[in-house]
């Protein structure tokens, strides 16, 4: 589900009536290591992100605290 105001941005709230296909087509919510991107490190502002994640209502949409990369 995308934000109507900004189509490039993923909505922070999923519709309660979202179909399985709609949920499956969403981007991966957290970075995952793969063969192409095997290294995972914390983002520079991870503390701020954690505070923001813990301060808002739990809707299963946390900002990632890490990123994956090759080097």
C-alpha atoms as a PDB file:
ATOM      1  CA  UNK A   1       0.000   0.000   0.000  1.00  0.00           C
ATOM      2  CA  UNK A   2       1.406   3.404  -0.915  1.00  0.00           C
ATOM      3  CA  UNK A   3       0.748   6.815   0.516  1.00  0.00           C
ATOM      4  CA  UNK A   4      -1.774   8.714  -1.647  1.00  0.00           C
ATOM      5  CA  UNK A   5       0.036  12.016  -1.069  1.00  0.00           C
ATOM      6  CA  UNK A   6       3.421  10.604  -2.122  1.00  0.00           C
ATOM      7  CA  UNK A   7       3.131   7.489  -4.321  1.00  0.00           C
ATOM      8  CA  UNK A   8       6.842   6.667  -3.921  1.00  0.00           C
ATOM      9  CA  UNK A   9       6.518   6.358  -0.149  1.00  0.00           C
ATOM     10  CA  UNK A  10       5.169   3.249   1.521  1.00  0.00           C
ATOM     11  CA  UNK A  11       2.280   3.814   3.888  1.00  0.00           C
ATOM     12  CA  UNK A  12       3.033   3.297   7.569  1.00  0.00           C
ATOM     13  CA  UNK A  13      -0.378   1.662   8.070  1.00  0.00           C
ATOM     14  CA  UNK A  14      -1.603  -1.393   6.229  1.00  0.00           C
ATOM     15  CA  UNK A  15      -5.264  -1.604   5.322  1.00  0.00           C
ATOM     16  CA  UNK A  16      -7.161  -4.120   7.414  1.00  0.00           C
ATOM     17  CA  UNK A  17      -8.764  -5.423   4.239  1.00  0.00           C
ATOM     18  CA  UNK A  18      -5.504  -5.787   2.276  1.00  0.00           C
ATOM     19  CA  UNK A  19      -5.444  -8.895   0.111  1.00  0.00           C
ATOM     20  CA  UNK A  20      -2.645 -11.456   0.310  1.00  0.00           C
ATOM     21  CA  UNK A  21      -1.429 -10.297  -3.103  1.00  0.00           C
ATOM     22  CA  UNK A  22      -1.263  -6.668  -1.902  1.00  0.00           C
ATOM     23  CA  UNK A  23       0.712  -7.674   1.183  1.00  0.00           C
ATOM     24  CA  UNK A  24       3.052  -9.905  -0.861  1.00  0.00           C
ATOM     25  CA  UNK A  25       3.777  -7.082  -3.322  1.00  0.00           C
ATOM     26  CA  UNK A  26       4.987  -4.725  -0.571  1.00  0.00           C
ATOM     27  CA  UNK A  27       8.690  -4.021  -0.298  1.00  0.00           C
ATOM     28  CA  UNK A  28      10.691  -5.928   2.298  1.00  0.00           C
ATOM     29  CA  UNK A  29      10.233  -3.937   5.534  1.00  0.00           C
ATOM     30  CA  UNK A  30      13.731  -4.554   6.887  1.00  0.00           C
ATOM     31  CA  UNK A  31      17.096  -4.952   5.178  1.00  0.00           C
ATOM     32  CA  UNK A  32      18.180  -8.549   4.649  1.00  0.00           C
ATOM     33  CA  UNK A  33      21.610  -9.860   3.876  1.00  0.00           C
ATOM     34  CA  UNK A  34      21.978 -11.719   0.593  1.00  0.00           C
ATOM     35  CA  UNK A  35      24.874 -13.063  -1.446  1.00  0.00           C
ATOM     36  CA  UNK A  36      25.042  -9.684  -3.227  1.00  0.00           C
ATOM     37  CA  UNK A  37      24.892  -7.635   0.009  1.00  0.00           C
ATOM     38  CA  UNK A  38      26.449  -9.764   2.777  1.00  0.00           C
ATOM     39  CA  UNK A  39      27.333  -7.037   5.320  1.00  0.00           C
ATOM     40  CA  UNK A  40      24.854  -5.462   7.741  1.00  0.00           C
ATOM     41  CA  UNK A  41      25.767  -2.350   9.762  1.00  0.00           C
ATOM     42  CA  UNK A  42      23.881   0.120  11.939  1.00  0.00           C
ATOM     43  CA  UNK A  43      22.742   3.373  10.369  1.00  0.00           C
ATOM     44  CA  UNK A  44      24.440   6.483  11.829  1.00  0.00           C
ATOM     45  CA  UNK A  45      21.157   7.711  13.349  1.00  0.00           C
ATOM     46  CA  UNK A  46      20.017   4.332  14.698  1.00  0.00           C
ATOM     47  CA  UNK A  47      19.452   5.701  18.214  1.00  0.00           C
ATOM     48  CA  UNK A  48      17.096   8.391  16.926  1.00  0.00           C
ATOM     49  CA  UNK A  49      15.268   5.826  14.810  1.00  0.00           C
ATOM     50  CA  UNK A  50      14.916   3.477  17.789  1.00  0.00           C
ATOM     51  CA  UNK A  51      13.460   6.244  19.970  1.00  0.00           C
ATOM     52  CA  UNK A  52      11.017   7.156  17.185  1.00  0.00           C
ATOM     53  CA  UNK A  53      10.057   3.500  16.723  1.00  0.00           C
ATOM     54  CA  UNK A  54       9.409   3.000  20.419  1.00  0.00           C
ATOM     55  CA  UNK A  55       7.580   6.319  20.863  1.00  0.00           C
ATOM     56  CA  UNK A  56       4.910   5.797  18.221  1.00  0.00           C
ATOM     57  CA  UNK A  57       1.957   3.480  18.206  1.00  0.00           C
ATOM     58  CA  UNK A  58       2.879  -0.106  17.388  1.00  0.00           C
ATOM     59  CA  UNK A  59       1.670  -0.713  13.839  1.00  0.00           C
ATOM     60  CA  UNK A  60       4.358  -3.252  12.879  1.00  0.00           C
ATOM     61  CA  UNK A  61       6.124  -0.648  10.732  1.00  0.00           C
ATOM     62  CA  UNK A  62       9.424   0.247  12.331  1.00  0.00           C
ATOM     63  CA  UNK A  63      12.102   2.278  10.585  1.00  0.00           C
ATOM     64  CA  UNK A  64      15.084   0.019   9.936  1.00  0.00           C
ATOM     65  CA  UNK A  65      18.068   0.453  12.255  1.00  0.00           C
ATOM     66  CA  UNK A  66      20.562  -1.221   9.926  1.00  0.00           C
ATOM     67  CA  UNK A  67      21.542  -1.268   6.274  1.00  0.00           C
ATOM     68  CA  UNK A  68      23.025  -3.970   4.098  1.00  0.00           C
ATOM     69  CA  UNK A  69      25.887  -3.359   1.688  1.00  0.00           C
ATOM     70  CA  UNK A  70      28.831  -4.977  -0.080  1.00  0.00           C
ATOM     71  CA  UNK A  71      31.750  -3.103   1.500  1.00  0.00           C
END
